[in-house]
Amino acid sequence: MDAREVREIALAAAHEAVKEVLSNYGIGPDPKDAQADMAYLRAQRIISSKIGIGLRLAIIGALVSGALAVLWLGIKAVIKSGL
């Protein structure tokens, strides 16, 4: 067995191992499908992050608005009571 045959055997074994591992992860042999899936997942992650930021800002805005409303109602009550 010469070096070329050893190399061919090693490459074939590596190729089969990679196919098996990708198959175990549910990734098919077509790399374009896997790339499209990963692009979709990345887009979903980015959208999810933006929604989370928007939701946090909405909650903070609601809390600040509520606090300002309570403060304003308190000021109006003090003014009406004549203090």
Protein backbone atom coordinates (compact mmCIF):
# COMPACT_ATOMS: atom_id res chain seq x y z
CA MET A 1 0.00 0.00 0.00
CA ASP A 2 1.55 3.29 -1.06
CA ALA A 3 0.90 6.85 0.16
CA ARG A 4 -1.66 7.55 -2.57
CA GLU A 5 -3.81 4.59 -1.55
CA VAL A 6 -3.58 5.56 2.12
CA ARG A 7 -4.64 9.09 1.23
CA GLU A 8 -7.63 7.84 -0.81
CA ILE A 9 -8.74 5.58 2.02
CA ALA A 10 -8.41 8.42 4.56
CA LEU A 11 -10.36 10.83 2.36
CA ALA A 12 -13.12 8.28 1.79
CA ALA A 13 -13.35 7.59 5.53
CA ALA A 14 -13.45 11.32 6.32
CA HIS A 15 -16.12 11.88 3.68
CA GLU A 16 -18.30 9.13 5.12
CA ALA A 17 -17.77 10.38 8.68
CA VAL A 18 -18.79 13.91 7.74
CA LYS A 19 -21.89 12.65 5.89
CA GLU A 20 -22.88 10.58 8.93
CA VAL A 21 -22.39 13.46 11.38
CA LEU A 22 -24.37 15.88 9.19
CA SER A 23 -27.07 13.27 8.75
CA ASN A 24 -27.28 12.86 12.53
CA TYR A 25 -27.85 16.63 12.82
CA GLY A 26 -30.55 16.47 10.17
CA ILE A 27 -28.56 18.30 7.52
CA GLY A 28 -28.92 16.89 4.04
CA PRO A 29 -26.14 16.41 1.53
CA ASP A 30 -27.01 19.56 -0.45
CA PRO A 31 -24.97 22.45 0.98
CA LYS A 32 -27.29 25.07 -0.57
CA ASP A 33 -30.21 23.79 1.49
CA ALA A 34 -28.12 23.91 4.66
CA GLN A 35 -26.97 27.45 3.84
CA ALA A 36 -30.55 28.55 3.22
CA ASP A 37 -31.62 27.02 6.53
CA MET A 38 -28.82 28.79 8.39
CA ALA A 39 -29.68 32.11 6.70
CA TYR A 40 -33.31 31.67 7.74
CA LEU A 41 -32.31 30.91 11.33
CA ARG A 42 -30.05 33.96 11.43
CA ALA A 43 -32.88 36.17 10.14
CA GLN A 44 -35.22 34.75 12.79
CA ARG A 45 -32.63 35.40 15.52
CA ILE A 46 -32.16 39.00 14.41
CA ILE A 47 -35.92 39.61 14.22
CA SER A 48 -36.41 38.05 17.64
CA SER A 49 -33.73 40.29 19.10
CA LYS A 50 -35.34 43.40 17.59
CA ILE A 51 -38.75 42.38 18.94
CA GLY A 52 -37.24 41.89 22.40
CA ILE A 53 -35.66 45.35 22.32
CA GLY A 54 -38.95 46.91 21.13
CA LEU A 55 -40.89 45.12 23.85
CA ARG A 56 -38.50 46.34 26.54
CA LEU A 57 -38.77 49.90 25.25
CA ALA A 58 -42.58 49.66 25.23
CA ILE A 59 -42.66 48.41 28.82
CA ILE A 60 -40.27 51.12 29.99
CA GLY A 61 -42.31 53.74 28.12
CA ALA A 62 -45.53 52.53 29.74
CA LEU A 63 -43.95 52.63 33.20
CA VAL A 64 -42.56 56.12 32.69
CA SER A 65 -45.89 57.36 31.29
CA GLY A 66 -47.73 55.86 34.25
CA ALA A 67 -45.34 57.45 36.71
CA LEU A 68 -45.69 60.84 35.02
CA ALA A 69 -49.50 60.50 35.01
CA VAL A 70 -49.52 59.74 38.74
CA LEU A 71 -47.21 62.70 39.36
CA TRP A 72 -49.42 65.00 37.28
CA LEU A 73 -52.59 63.85 39.06
CA GLY A 74 -50.86 64.44 42.38
CA ILE A 75 -49.86 67.95 41.36
CA LYS A 76 -53.42 68.70 40.17
CA ALA A 77 -54.84 67.42 43.47
CA VAL A 78 -52.46 69.63 45.45
CA ILE A 79 -53.37 72.67 43.36
CA LYS A 80 -57.12 71.99 43.73
CA SER A 81 -56.82 71.58 47.49
CA GLY A 82 -55.31 75.07 47.69
CA LEU A 83 -51.99 74.35 49.35
